[in-house]
Amino acid sequence: MTSTKPGHNWQRTSPIAIVFFLFKTARQFVSSGLPAIALILAAYTSSSDSNQSLIQMGLLVAIVLGVVGSVLSWLRFRYCIVDDRVLLRSGVFHREELSVEFNRIQNISIREPFYARPFKLALLSIDTAGSGKEEIVLGGIKKDIAVELRTTILAKAGPAADPEDGQHDRLDESNNLLERSTKDIAIYGLTINFSFWFLIAIGAIFSADDFSEKTIRWLARKIQIQDLMAIAQNDGNFISLGLITLGIGLALFLLLPLVSVIGALIRHYGYRLDVEGETYRKTSGLLSRHDESLKRHKIQALVLKQNFVALWFNRTNIQLRVASAGSGVEPGQIPGVSKRSFLVPALHPAEMETLIPEFLPGCEIEKVEFSNINLYRYARVVLGLAVLPPVLLLTVIFSVLISWKFIVVAPVILGIAWLLVHQRWKKLAYAVVGEYGFVRSGFIGTKTTVFPLFKVQKVDIRQTPGQRRKGFAHLTIHLASHSLTIPHMAVKHAIAMRDLILYYVESTNRRWY
């Protein structure tokens, strides 16, 4: 934060931005108040008419307060472009002033929400290095102004491309790299986890007291399931009853991937990826148009994801990770909900071969030969510490309280656990080819992270007393986007990889973000 001069030309966004602040408040309430929403729904479905009226009145008051707060947020919001930085003032009760230099900016996105498109307005979102969220969102500015601001910021965000990156010969070229059809986006929708978040939300709702029983009764009254079952039973047609039950279960099962596909089409319809000089530009969206830009030298790593559905279609999704996704100080992956990734979805193998060297010049992923960690050590730790104790404890308890036959169950469970651990071990591997590192993990599908060695921020080698005796270690690689851990490596291999990474870090003058 820096102080600013009184003469700065502070500007206000369009009143349409009030809708943006209202949606932002609603999203925050839904994401953080899901249990409260479940309790409100439970109380509403089980309350009398008078109590339901009180709940409706409370919801109306909450909506009014949200609208008033959104209006005040818009009135207190100002922005200013000064030299090489963006200045921002915001806050209703707690006044904040933010200053962001252009060279810290990682990703710029222009969104045209459905409610702003008729007015030719847009939202300009700016992500910066070291931030876990969007630091600046200018909502309700003219689209041509947003495009002009993006062009100015990208032009000043960093020096010209490094000659070593192979970009000096195409600074004025504008090329289309990729377009995605409706079919491609639908396949991408089947490979993402919208359905799992939907299940989590349903689980959270149904965990609220006896809400599940009351909700099921309410649904039964509304769709008259009992009448259908009574008809089937009265006719003595149990096959019909079974078919009704099977149909309801199948409909619910198909609903989850349908939600994912619809969400993907709304967000990524008309996907197009272009490159101009060192700047990548991605446009997509059905109701709201999204226009995102990213400097090539900002890329910290590529994350290649391929779950079992993507394997079936022989597709791979790529995420371009930048420094704004996190600090890379602590081990563990940065949660995906904190930032929108620069996504390249549903790629065929041939498209992968073209785009990976485009994003990371000189990366020869086809030459990668992965090395697995030590199977004996990995299985011993996972089975011995995480699986064996609870299995033996439950086996003894059930054998004493119910029947000695439960002793037979323990070897079966341990055998299944061994197969699962072995499958996980096969996917857990690492490699180095040229100046790029590769770390792979997964179970049925895989997630492979590709990163330039010279962009690594820190490397840790950790050993437990048991590992020290046996000559193993955990190697943790900290990037500016996230961190990667390779467990149970031989110490000599961990040291060799650490020394190689440090060599590239210390012997290059190329910028890392």
Protein backbone atom coordinates (compact mmCIF):
# COMPACT_ATOMS: atom_id res chain seq x y z
CA MET A 1 0.00 0.00 0.00
CA THR A 2 1.25 3.43 -0.90
CA SER A 3 -0.01 6.94 -0.45
CA THR A 4 -1.26 8.78 -3.52
CA LYS A 5 -1.23 12.41 -4.58
CA PRO A 6 -4.43 14.49 -4.43
CA GLY A 7 -4.13 15.31 -8.13
CA HIS A 8 -4.72 11.77 -9.30
CA ASN A 9 -7.65 11.30 -11.64
CA TRP A 10 -9.84 8.95 -9.60
CA GLN A 11 -12.68 7.40 -11.61
CA ARG A 12 -15.92 5.66 -10.71
CA THR A 13 -17.36 2.67 -12.55
CA SER A 14 -20.85 2.49 -14.07
CA PRO A 15 -23.87 2.06 -11.75
CA ILE A 16 -24.29 -1.35 -13.43
CA ALA A 17 -21.40 -2.43 -11.19
CA ILE A 18 -23.93 -2.54 -8.34
CA VAL A 19 -25.14 -5.83 -9.85
CA PHE A 20 -21.56 -7.12 -9.80
CA PHE A 21 -21.19 -6.30 -6.09
CA LEU A 22 -24.57 -7.93 -5.41
CA PHE A 23 -23.56 -11.15 -7.18
CA LYS A 24 -20.24 -11.11 -5.35
CA THR A 25 -22.03 -10.84 -2.00
CA ALA A 26 -24.41 -13.65 -2.96
CA ARG A 27 -21.53 -15.94 -4.00
CA GLN A 28 -19.70 -15.30 -0.74
CA PHE A 29 -22.83 -16.04 1.27
CA VAL A 30 -23.54 -19.28 -0.59
CA SER A 31 -19.94 -20.53 -0.44
CA SER A 32 -19.46 -19.77 3.27
CA GLY A 33 -23.02 -20.21 4.52
CA LEU A 34 -24.06 -23.57 3.09
CA PRO A 35 -24.85 -25.09 6.54
CA ALA A 36 -26.93 -22.03 7.41
CA ILE A 37 -28.83 -22.37 4.12
CA ALA A 38 -29.49 -26.03 4.93
CA LEU A 39 -30.86 -25.14 8.36
CA ILE A 40 -33.07 -22.40 6.87
CA LEU A 41 -34.48 -24.84 4.31
CA ALA A 42 -35.02 -27.44 7.03
CA ALA A 43 -36.85 -24.93 9.21
CA TYR A 44 -38.91 -23.67 6.29
CA THR A 45 -40.12 -27.10 5.13
CA SER A 46 -41.12 -28.15 8.66
CA SER A 47 -42.62 -24.87 9.91
CA SER A 48 -46.19 -23.65 10.08
CA ASP A 49 -47.51 -21.00 7.69
CA SER A 50 -46.87 -18.21 10.21
CA ASN A 51 -43.27 -19.27 10.79
CA GLN A 52 -42.73 -19.60 7.06
CA SER A 53 -43.90 -16.02 6.68
CA LEU A 54 -41.35 -14.91 9.28
CA ILE A 55 -38.60 -16.76 7.43
CA GLN A 56 -39.67 -15.15 4.15
CA MET A 57 -39.59 -11.75 5.84
CA GLY A 58 -36.08 -12.45 7.15
CA LEU A 59 -34.90 -13.44 3.68
CA LEU A 60 -36.43 -10.27 2.24
CA VAL A 61 -34.58 -8.17 4.85
CA ALA A 62 -31.32 -9.99 3.97
CA ILE A 63 -31.86 -9.22 0.27
CA VAL A 64 -32.52 -5.55 1.02
CA LEU A 65 -29.38 -5.33 3.16
CA GLY A 66 -27.41 -6.99 0.36
CA VAL A 67 -28.67 -4.45 -2.17
CA VAL A 68 -27.89 -1.52 0.16
CA GLY A 69 -24.42 -2.89 0.83
CA SER A 70 -23.80 -3.31 -2.90
CA VAL A 71 -24.83 0.29 -3.57
CA LEU A 72 -22.52 1.56 -0.82
CA SER A 73 -19.66 -0.62 -2.14
CA TRP A 74 -20.09 0.94 -5.57
CA LEU A 75 -20.25 4.49 -4.16
CA ARG A 76 -17.02 3.93 -2.22
CA PHE A 77 -15.15 2.29 -5.12
CA ARG A 78 -12.59 4.33 -7.12
CA TYR A 79 -9.71 3.43 -9.43
CA CYS A 80 -6.86 5.29 -11.08
CA ILE A 81 -4.06 4.47 -13.56
CA VAL A 82 -0.83 6.30 -12.69
CA ASP A 83 2.41 5.76 -14.61
CA ASP A 84 3.29 2.10 -14.05
CA ARG A 85 0.67 1.10 -11.48
CA VAL A 86 -3.04 0.65 -10.79
CA LEU A 87 -4.50 2.40 -7.74
CA LEU A 88 -7.68 1.25 -6.06
CA ARG A 89 -9.83 2.61 -3.24
CA SER A 90 -12.62 0.48 -1.79
CA GLY A 91 -14.44 -0.44 1.39
CA VAL A 92 -17.61 0.74 3.12
CA PHE A 93 -16.72 0.67 6.81
CA HIS A 94 -13.03 -0.19 6.44
CA ARG A 95 -11.39 2.05 3.82
CA GLU A 96 -8.58 0.46 1.79
CA GLU A 97 -6.18 1.84 -0.80
CA LEU A 98 -4.29 -0.63 -2.96
CA SER A 99 -1.38 0.01 -5.31
CA VAL A 100 -0.30 -2.67 -7.80
CA GLU A 101 2.67 -2.26 -10.11
CA PHE A 102 2.32 -3.44 -13.70
CA ASN A 103 5.29 -5.82 -13.49
CA ARG A 104 3.55 -7.77 -10.70
CA ILE A 105 0.51 -8.46 -12.85
CA GLN A 106 0.23 -12.07 -14.00
CA ASN A 107 -3.14 -12.48 -15.67
CA ILE A 108 -5.67 -10.00 -17.05
CA SER A 109 -9.24 -11.02 -17.78
CA ILE A 110 -12.04 -9.08 -19.44
CA ARG A 111 -15.49 -10.48 -18.71
CA GLU A 112 -18.75 -9.40 -20.27
CA PRO A 113 -21.52 -10.62 -17.93
CA PHE A 114 -24.94 -11.12 -19.46
CA TYR A 115 -26.32 -8.19 -17.48
CA ALA A 116 -23.55 -5.83 -18.74
CA ARG A 117 -23.39 -6.82 -22.42
CA PRO A 118 -26.47 -4.77 -23.48
CA PHE A 119 -24.73 -1.68 -22.06
CA LYS A 120 -21.36 -2.52 -23.73
CA LEU A 121 -19.77 -2.73 -20.29
CA ALA A 122 -17.19 -5.20 -18.98
CA LEU A 123 -15.33 -6.35 -15.86
CA LEU A 124 -11.54 -6.06 -15.89
CA SER A 125 -9.93 -8.56 -13.49
CA ILE A 126 -6.25 -8.32 -12.58
CA ASP A 127 -4.30 -11.12 -10.86
CA THR A 128 -0.93 -10.36 -9.30
CA ALA A 129 2.07 -12.34 -8.11
CA GLY A 130 1.88 -13.48 -4.50
CA SER A 131 -1.88 -13.07 -4.25
CA GLY A 132 -4.29 -15.89 -3.47
CA LYS A 133 -7.22 -14.10 -5.09
CA GLU A 134 -8.06 -11.47 -7.69
CA GLU A 135 -6.65 -8.28 -6.22
CA ILE A 136 -8.45 -5.86 -8.52
CA VAL A 137 -11.77 -6.15 -10.31
CA LEU A 138 -12.97 -3.08 -12.17
CA GLY A 139 -16.65 -3.78 -12.70
CA GLY A 140 -18.85 -1.71 -15.00
CA ILE A 141 -16.36 0.06 -17.26
CA LYS A 142 -16.74 0.53 -21.01
CA LYS A 143 -15.45 -2.46 -22.96
CA ASP A 144 -13.23 -0.34 -25.20
CA ILE A 145 -11.70 1.26 -22.09
CA ALA A 146 -11.12 -2.20 -20.60
CA VAL A 147 -9.38 -3.36 -23.78
CA GLU A 148 -7.26 -0.19 -23.86
CA LEU A 149 -6.26 -0.66 -20.20
CA ARG A 150 -5.33 -4.28 -20.82
CA THR A 151 -3.19 -3.32 -23.82
CA THR A 152 -1.42 -0.60 -21.81
CA ILE A 153 -0.79 -2.88 -18.82
CA LEU A 154 0.49 -5.78 -20.91
CA ALA A 155 2.80 -3.46 -22.85
CA LYS A 156 4.34 -2.22 -19.60
CA ALA A 157 4.10 -5.45 -17.60
CA GLY A 158 7.59 -6.58 -18.49
CA PRO A 159 10.49 -6.19 -20.93
CA ALA A 160 10.56 -7.77 -24.34
CA ALA A 161 10.68 -11.53 -24.55
CA ASP A 162 13.94 -13.31 -23.81
CA PRO A 163 15.85 -14.35 -26.94
CA GLU A 164 16.37 -17.74 -25.28
CA ASP A 165 12.59 -18.25 -25.29
CA GLY A 166 12.49 -18.17 -29.09
CA GLN A 167 9.88 -15.40 -29.23
CA HIS A 168 11.90 -12.56 -30.73
CA ASP A 169 10.95 -13.55 -34.26
CA ARG A 170 7.18 -13.30 -33.84
CA LEU A 171 6.55 -10.19 -31.80
CA ASP A 172 4.07 -8.76 -34.31
CA GLU A 173 2.40 -12.01 -35.33
CA SER A 174 -1.12 -12.94 -34.27
CA ASN A 175 -1.96 -16.62 -34.66
CA ASN A 176 -4.81 -18.87 -33.66
CA LEU A 177 -3.52 -21.81 -31.65
CA LEU A 178 -6.69 -23.65 -30.74
CA GLU A 179 -10.48 -23.66 -31.09
CA ARG A 180 -12.88 -25.96 -29.24
CA SER A 181 -16.16 -27.23 -30.64
CA THR A 182 -19.31 -27.81 -28.60
CA LYS A 183 -18.45 -31.51 -28.52
CA ASP A 184 -14.98 -30.78 -27.14
CA ILE A 185 -16.41 -28.59 -24.38
CA ALA A 186 -19.01 -31.24 -23.52
CA ILE A 187 -16.23 -33.83 -23.19
CA TYR A 188 -14.32 -31.41 -20.97
CA GLY A 189 -17.45 -31.04 -18.83
CA LEU A 190 -17.50 -34.80 -18.27
CA THR A 191 -13.87 -34.75 -17.09
CA ILE A 192 -14.17 -32.08 -14.38
CA ASN A 193 -15.40 -32.26 -10.81
CA PHE A 194 -18.57 -30.15 -10.84
CA SER A 195 -20.51 -33.30 -9.96
CA PHE A 196 -18.34 -33.98 -6.91
CA TRP A 197 -18.95 -30.46 -5.58
CA PHE A 198 -22.65 -31.03 -6.21
CA LEU A 199 -22.51 -34.21 -4.12
CA ILE A 200 -20.67 -32.40 -1.35
CA ALA A 201 -23.33 -29.69 -1.30
CA ILE A 202 -26.12 -32.29 -1.17
CA GLY A 203 -24.31 -34.11 1.65
CA ALA A 204 -23.96 -30.90 3.62
CA ILE A 205 -27.66 -30.12 3.22
CA PHE A 206 -28.79 -33.60 4.22
CA SER A 207 -26.59 -33.59 7.31
CA ALA A 208 -28.73 -30.93 8.96
CA ASP A 209 -30.69 -32.62 11.78
CA ASP A 210 -33.71 -34.53 10.43
CA PHE A 211 -33.85 -32.40 7.30
CA SER A 212 -33.33 -35.42 5.05
CA GLU A 213 -36.44 -37.20 6.26
CA LYS A 214 -38.59 -34.06 5.98
CA THR A 215 -37.22 -33.23 2.54
CA ILE A 216 -37.86 -36.73 1.24
CA ARG A 217 -41.43 -36.55 2.52
CA TRP A 218 -41.87 -33.15 0.85
CA LEU A 219 -40.51 -34.46 -2.45
CA ALA A 220 -42.73 -37.51 -2.19
CA ARG A 221 -45.80 -35.28 -1.80
CA LYS A 222 -44.77 -33.09 -4.71
CA ILE A 223 -43.94 -35.76 -7.27
CA GLN A 224 -46.34 -38.35 -5.82
CA ILE A 225 -43.86 -41.22 -5.66
CA GLN A 226 -46.08 -42.99 -3.14
CA ASP A 227 -48.95 -43.03 -5.64
CA LEU A 228 -46.75 -44.62 -8.27
CA MET A 229 -45.54 -47.27 -5.83
CA ALA A 230 -49.09 -47.96 -4.61
CA ILE A 231 -50.31 -48.51 -8.17
CA ALA A 232 -47.47 -50.92 -8.86
CA GLN A 233 -48.07 -52.84 -5.63
CA ASN A 234 -51.86 -53.01 -6.09
CA ASP A 235 -51.40 -54.45 -9.53
CA GLY A 236 -48.97 -56.99 -8.12
CA ASN A 237 -46.41 -55.89 -10.66
CA PHE A 238 -43.18 -55.81 -8.69
CA ILE A 239 -41.26 -55.59 -11.93
CA SER A 240 -42.85 -52.19 -12.52
CA LEU A 241 -41.91 -51.16 -9.00
CA GLY A 242 -38.33 -52.19 -9.63
CA LEU A 243 -38.26 -50.33 -12.94
CA ILE A 244 -39.60 -47.17 -11.26
CA THR A 245 -36.92 -47.36 -8.58
CA LEU A 246 -34.23 -48.06 -11.18
CA GLY A 247 -35.43 -45.16 -13.34
CA ILE A 248 -35.34 -42.70 -10.45
CA GLY A 249 -31.82 -43.84 -9.49
CA LEU A 250 -30.62 -43.65 -13.09
CA ALA A 251 -32.08 -40.16 -13.51
CA LEU A 252 -30.23 -38.94 -10.42
CA PHE A 253 -27.03 -40.63 -11.61
CA LEU A 254 -27.24 -38.98 -15.05
CA LEU A 255 -28.05 -35.61 -13.53
CA LEU A 256 -24.55 -35.15 -12.09
CA PRO A 257 -22.56 -35.33 -15.36
CA LEU A 258 -25.30 -33.28 -17.01
CA VAL A 259 -24.68 -30.50 -14.48
CA SER A 260 -20.96 -30.62 -15.31
CA VAL A 261 -21.57 -30.48 -19.07
CA ILE A 262 -24.02 -27.58 -18.81
CA GLY A 263 -21.63 -25.66 -16.55
CA ALA A 264 -18.74 -26.24 -18.96
CA LEU A 265 -20.79 -25.09 -21.97
CA ILE A 266 -21.92 -21.92 -20.19
CA ARG A 267 -18.36 -21.06 -19.16
CA HIS A 268 -16.28 -22.27 -22.14
CA TYR A 269 -18.58 -22.22 -25.18
CA GLY A 270 -16.83 -20.80 -28.25
CA TYR A 271 -13.36 -21.38 -26.75
CA ARG A 272 -10.54 -19.81 -28.77
CA LEU A 273 -6.85 -19.47 -27.92
CA ASP A 274 -4.65 -16.98 -29.81
CA VAL A 275 -1.09 -15.78 -29.40
CA GLU A 276 0.35 -12.39 -30.29
CA GLY A 277 4.04 -12.03 -29.59
CA GLU A 278 4.46 -13.27 -26.04
CA THR A 279 0.83 -12.75 -25.01
CA TYR A 280 -1.75 -15.53 -24.99
CA ARG A 281 -5.40 -14.56 -25.25
CA LYS A 282 -8.27 -16.90 -24.41
CA THR A 283 -11.91 -16.08 -25.20
CA SER A 284 -14.94 -18.16 -24.24
CA GLY A 285 -18.39 -18.06 -22.67
CA LEU A 286 -22.04 -18.46 -23.62
CA LEU A 287 -24.03 -16.05 -21.46
CA SER A 288 -21.05 -14.06 -20.22
CA ARG A 289 -18.01 -13.62 -22.45
CA HIS A 290 -14.57 -14.08 -20.90
CA ASP A 291 -11.43 -12.63 -22.48
CA GLU A 292 -8.24 -13.54 -20.58
CA SER A 293 -4.65 -12.58 -21.35
CA LEU A 294 -1.42 -14.04 -20.05
CA LYS A 295 2.22 -13.23 -20.74
CA ARG A 296 4.16 -16.30 -21.77
CA HIS A 297 7.09 -15.71 -19.42
CA LYS A 298 4.63 -15.63 -16.48
CA ILE A 299 3.94 -19.36 -16.81
CA GLN A 300 5.41 -21.22 -13.83
CA ALA A 301 4.23 -24.72 -14.70
CA LEU A 302 1.88 -26.78 -16.83
CA VAL A 303 -0.47 -29.20 -15.08
CA LEU A 304 -1.69 -31.98 -17.37
CA LYS A 305 -4.82 -33.70 -16.02
CA GLN A 306 -6.34 -36.90 -17.35
CA ASN A 307 -8.89 -38.74 -15.21
CA PHE A 308 -10.65 -41.99 -16.15
CA VAL A 309 -13.24 -40.17 -18.31
CA ALA A 310 -10.51 -38.26 -20.16
CA LEU A 311 -8.65 -41.55 -20.68
CA TRP A 312 -11.78 -43.01 -22.26
CA PHE A 313 -11.96 -40.11 -24.75
CA ASN A 314 -8.14 -39.89 -25.08
CA ARG A 315 -8.17 -36.22 -24.05
CA THR A 316 -6.03 -34.14 -21.67
CA ASN A 317 -6.80 -30.86 -19.90
CA ILE A 318 -3.94 -28.40 -19.34
CA GLN A 319 -3.78 -25.71 -16.69
CA LEU A 320 -1.22 -22.92 -17.05
CA ARG A 321 -0.10 -22.04 -13.51
CA VAL A 322 1.25 -18.57 -12.75
CA ALA A 323 2.79 -16.93 -9.69
CA SER A 324 -0.52 -15.39 -8.66
CA ALA A 325 -1.87 -18.79 -7.66
CA GLY A 326 0.15 -18.80 -4.42
CA SER A 327 3.50 -18.16 -2.81
CA GLY A 328 4.97 -21.61 -3.09
CA VAL A 329 6.35 -21.35 0.43
CA GLU A 330 4.53 -24.25 2.02
CA PRO A 331 4.22 -27.77 0.62
CA GLY A 332 0.91 -28.87 -0.80
CA GLN A 333 -1.09 -27.86 -3.78
CA ILE A 334 -2.81 -24.53 -3.82
CA PRO A 335 -6.58 -25.08 -3.73
CA GLY A 336 -8.13 -24.71 -7.13
CA VAL A 337 -10.98 -22.58 -5.83
CA SER A 338 -8.74 -19.63 -4.99
CA LYS A 339 -7.95 -18.70 -8.58
CA ARG A 340 -9.26 -19.30 -12.06
CA SER A 341 -6.63 -21.23 -14.00
CA PHE A 342 -5.68 -20.35 -17.55
CA LEU A 343 -7.29 -23.43 -19.04
CA VAL A 344 -6.62 -25.31 -22.27
CA PRO A 345 -9.30 -28.03 -22.38
CA ALA A 346 -9.87 -31.42 -24.01
CA LEU A 347 -6.70 -31.76 -26.09
CA HIS A 348 -5.99 -34.59 -28.49
CA PRO A 349 -2.47 -36.13 -28.33
CA ALA A 350 -1.45 -34.32 -31.53
CA GLU A 351 -2.58 -30.99 -30.09
CA MET A 352 -0.58 -31.72 -26.93
CA GLU A 353 2.57 -32.27 -29.00
CA THR A 354 2.09 -28.86 -30.59
CA LEU A 355 1.04 -26.77 -27.58
CA ILE A 356 3.40 -27.99 -24.85
CA PRO A 357 6.54 -26.77 -26.72
CA GLU A 358 4.61 -23.57 -27.47
CA PHE A 359 4.08 -22.85 -23.78
CA LEU A 360 7.45 -24.26 -22.66
CA PRO A 361 10.00 -23.94 -25.50
CA GLY A 362 12.35 -26.86 -25.78
CA CYS A 363 10.18 -29.15 -23.64
CA GLU A 364 10.42 -32.65 -25.11
CA ILE A 365 7.72 -34.48 -23.22
CA GLU A 366 7.82 -37.37 -25.69
CA LYS A 367 11.32 -38.23 -24.41
CA VAL A 368 10.29 -38.48 -20.77
CA GLU A 369 11.17 -41.74 -19.01
CA PHE A 370 9.66 -41.64 -15.53
CA SER A 371 11.37 -43.10 -12.48
CA ASN A 372 9.21 -44.55 -9.71
CA ILE A 373 9.89 -44.15 -6.03
CA ASN A 374 10.76 -47.18 -3.88
CA LEU A 375 7.75 -49.54 -3.85
CA TYR A 376 8.71 -51.41 -0.68
CA ARG A 377 9.18 -48.24 1.33
CA TYR A 378 6.01 -46.59 0.00
CA ALA A 379 3.81 -49.66 0.55
CA ARG A 380 5.29 -50.29 3.98
CA VAL A 381 4.49 -46.77 5.18
CA VAL A 382 0.99 -46.62 3.68
CA LEU A 383 -0.09 -50.14 4.62
CA GLY A 384 1.76 -50.33 7.91
CA LEU A 385 0.66 -46.97 9.29
CA ALA A 386 -2.62 -46.12 7.56
CA VAL A 387 -4.27 -49.46 6.75
CA LEU A 388 -3.02 -52.30 8.96
CA PRO A 389 -3.75 -50.87 12.47
CA PRO A 390 -7.45 -50.03 11.89
CA VAL A 391 -8.05 -53.28 9.96
CA LEU A 392 -6.57 -55.41 12.75
CA LEU A 393 -8.41 -53.44 15.45
CA LEU A 394 -11.80 -53.80 13.76
CA THR A 395 -11.15 -57.47 12.98
CA VAL A 396 -10.42 -58.25 16.65
CA ILE A 397 -13.48 -56.31 17.84
CA PHE A 398 -15.89 -57.99 15.38
CA SER A 399 -14.35 -61.42 15.99
CA VAL A 400 -14.87 -61.13 19.75
CA LEU A 401 -18.31 -59.51 19.66
CA ILE A 402 -19.90 -61.25 16.66
CA SER A 403 -18.03 -64.19 15.15
CA TRP A 404 -14.50 -65.53 14.78
CA LYS A 405 -15.14 -65.74 11.00
CA PHE A 406 -14.33 -62.05 10.71
CA ILE A 407 -10.65 -63.06 10.99
CA VAL A 408 -10.89 -64.22 7.37
CA VAL A 409 -11.91 -60.71 6.29
CA ALA A 410 -8.59 -59.08 7.31
CA PRO A 411 -6.39 -60.79 4.66
CA VAL A 412 -8.97 -59.95 1.98
CA ILE A 413 -9.02 -56.26 2.95
CA LEU A 414 -5.22 -56.13 3.10
CA GLY A 415 -4.98 -57.78 -0.32
CA ILE A 416 -7.33 -55.20 -1.83
CA ALA A 417 -5.40 -52.41 -0.09
CA TRP A 418 -2.14 -53.74 -1.56
CA LEU A 419 -3.59 -53.64 -5.08
CA LEU A 420 -4.77 -50.06 -4.57
CA VAL A 421 -1.41 -48.96 -3.14
CA HIS A 422 0.44 -50.65 -5.99
CA GLN A 423 -1.75 -48.87 -8.55
CA ARG A 424 -1.08 -45.54 -6.83
CA TRP A 425 2.66 -46.28 -6.74
CA LYS A 426 2.76 -46.96 -10.50
CA LYS A 427 1.47 -43.45 -11.17
CA LEU A 428 3.74 -41.69 -8.65
CA ALA A 429 6.93 -40.87 -10.55
CA TYR A 430 9.36 -38.13 -11.57
CA ALA A 431 11.75 -37.27 -14.40
CA VAL A 432 14.05 -34.59 -15.78
CA VAL A 433 14.52 -33.95 -19.50
CA GLY A 434 16.72 -31.04 -20.48
CA GLU A 435 15.85 -28.00 -18.37
CA TYR A 436 12.38 -29.25 -17.41
CA GLY A 437 11.21 -31.32 -14.48
CA PHE A 438 8.21 -33.67 -14.41
CA VAL A 439 6.24 -34.92 -11.42
CA ARG A 440 3.38 -37.38 -11.96
CA SER A 441 0.69 -38.70 -9.63
CA GLY A 442 -2.74 -40.31 -9.90
CA PHE A 443 -4.69 -43.52 -9.49
CA ILE A 444 -6.56 -44.49 -12.65
CA GLY A 445 -5.83 -41.26 -14.49
CA THR A 446 -2.80 -39.04 -14.01
CA LYS A 447 -1.84 -35.50 -13.12
CA THR A 448 1.55 -34.46 -14.47
CA THR A 449 3.22 -31.17 -13.57
CA VAL A 450 5.85 -29.84 -15.99
CA PHE A 451 8.02 -26.96 -14.79
CA PRO A 452 11.21 -25.14 -15.86
CA LEU A 453 13.99 -25.99 -13.42
CA PHE A 454 15.27 -22.42 -13.33
CA LYS A 455 11.90 -21.16 -11.99
CA VAL A 456 12.06 -23.25 -8.81
CA GLN A 457 12.02 -21.06 -5.70
CA LYS A 458 13.22 -23.52 -3.08
CA VAL A 459 14.04 -27.22 -2.69
CA ASP A 460 13.68 -29.13 0.58
CA ILE A 461 14.99 -32.58 1.48
CA ARG A 462 13.34 -34.02 4.59
CA GLN A 463 14.05 -37.31 6.36
CA THR A 464 12.33 -39.09 9.20
CA PRO A 465 14.57 -41.15 11.54
CA GLY A 466 13.41 -44.31 9.76
CA GLN A 467 14.18 -42.84 6.36
CA ARG A 468 17.61 -41.74 7.54
CA ARG A 469 18.47 -45.30 8.54
CA LYS A 470 17.25 -46.76 5.26
CA GLY A 471 18.61 -44.03 2.97
CA PHE A 472 15.35 -42.43 1.79
CA ALA A 473 13.97 -38.88 1.83
CA HIS A 474 11.07 -36.65 0.81
CA LEU A 475 11.95 -34.07 -1.86
CA THR A 476 9.71 -30.96 -1.94
CA ILE A 477 9.96 -28.56 -4.87
CA HIS A 478 8.52 -25.07 -4.26
CA LEU A 479 7.37 -23.13 -7.32
CA ALA A 480 5.88 -19.65 -7.32
CA SER A 481 2.53 -21.26 -8.23
CA HIS A 482 2.41 -24.33 -5.96
CA SER A 483 4.59 -27.00 -4.39
CA LEU A 484 5.31 -30.62 -5.31
CA THR A 485 6.49 -33.43 -3.04
CA ILE A 486 8.16 -36.63 -4.22
CA PRO A 487 8.08 -39.06 -1.25
CA HIS A 488 10.43 -41.92 -0.41
CA MET A 489 13.16 -41.15 -2.93
CA ALA A 490 16.60 -42.65 -2.53
CA VAL A 491 18.72 -39.96 -0.86
CA LYS A 492 21.31 -39.97 -3.63
CA HIS A 493 18.61 -39.35 -6.23
CA ALA A 494 17.01 -36.57 -4.15
CA ILE A 495 20.39 -34.83 -3.71
CA ALA A 496 21.20 -35.20 -7.42
CA MET A 497 17.86 -33.66 -8.43
CA ARG A 498 18.24 -30.83 -5.90
CA ASP A 499 21.75 -30.01 -7.15
CA LEU A 500 20.58 -30.03 -10.77
CA ILE A 501 17.73 -27.65 -9.97
CA LEU A 502 20.03 -25.29 -8.07
CA TYR A 503 22.46 -25.32 -11.00
CA TYR A 504 19.77 -24.10 -13.40
CA VAL A 505 18.51 -21.53 -10.89
CA GLU A 506 21.96 -20.05 -10.30
CA SER A 507 23.25 -20.21 -13.88
CA THR A 508 20.45 -18.35 -15.69
CA ASN A 509 19.51 -14.69 -15.84
CA ARG A 510 16.07 -15.29 -17.31
CA ARG A 511 13.20 -13.81 -15.32
CA TRP A 512 11.10 -16.30 -13.39
CA TYR A 513 7.80 -14.39 -13.36
